[in-house]
Amino acid sequence: MTTKPIIIIPDPLLRQVSQPIERVDEDLSRLIDDMFETMYDAPGIGLAAIQVAVPRRLLVIDVAREGEPKQPLTFINPEIIHSSDARSTYEEGCLSIPDYYAEVERPAAITVRSLDREGKEQITEADGLLATCLQHEIDHLNGTLFIDHISKLKRDMVIKKFTKAAKARAGL
């Protein structure tokens, strides 16, 4: 397994819509393993393939609390097929927007259809942190970031800060 670099804003790849996965094969299995390694190393609880510069509809999640056994979940071509009317708010962060957190309101419960790492269809009913994490990561596959769910003023400030930092890293 290999830890992959995580791209951060303002990288334009993060705004790209990811393409569906056509085949579940050994290459995809290696990518899944690398994504788990990268996510755990970061550390994070979710990672979309686009965050490691692979524009494919794949995400990995593990919302197990510290000290609990790992509970790795793989979602290939995930699609939200139902969202509750009830809402919940969580403080979200993102490996592609390091050290920035904001309260985001989303549906409290969702149902997701996807394939597991063997290519079998799975239906996942989620609420709480898992529902929030799934929605956050599926947003990534559609070129949406969690900061798109906060006020324009706050979003513009975050983007400006990270754009300035990227220019400084590039020596501009």
Foldseek 3Di string as FASTA:
>chain_A
DAAAQFAAPPPQLLQDAAAADDDLDPVVVVLLVNQCVNCVVLPHFKDASSRRVHRYGKMWGWPDDPPDDTDIWIFGPKDWPDFDPAKDWDWDDDSRLPPDTDIAIDGQWTWIWGAGSVRHIDIDIDGDPVRVRVVQRSCSNNSHHRLVRDDPVVSVVSNVVVVVVVCVVVVD
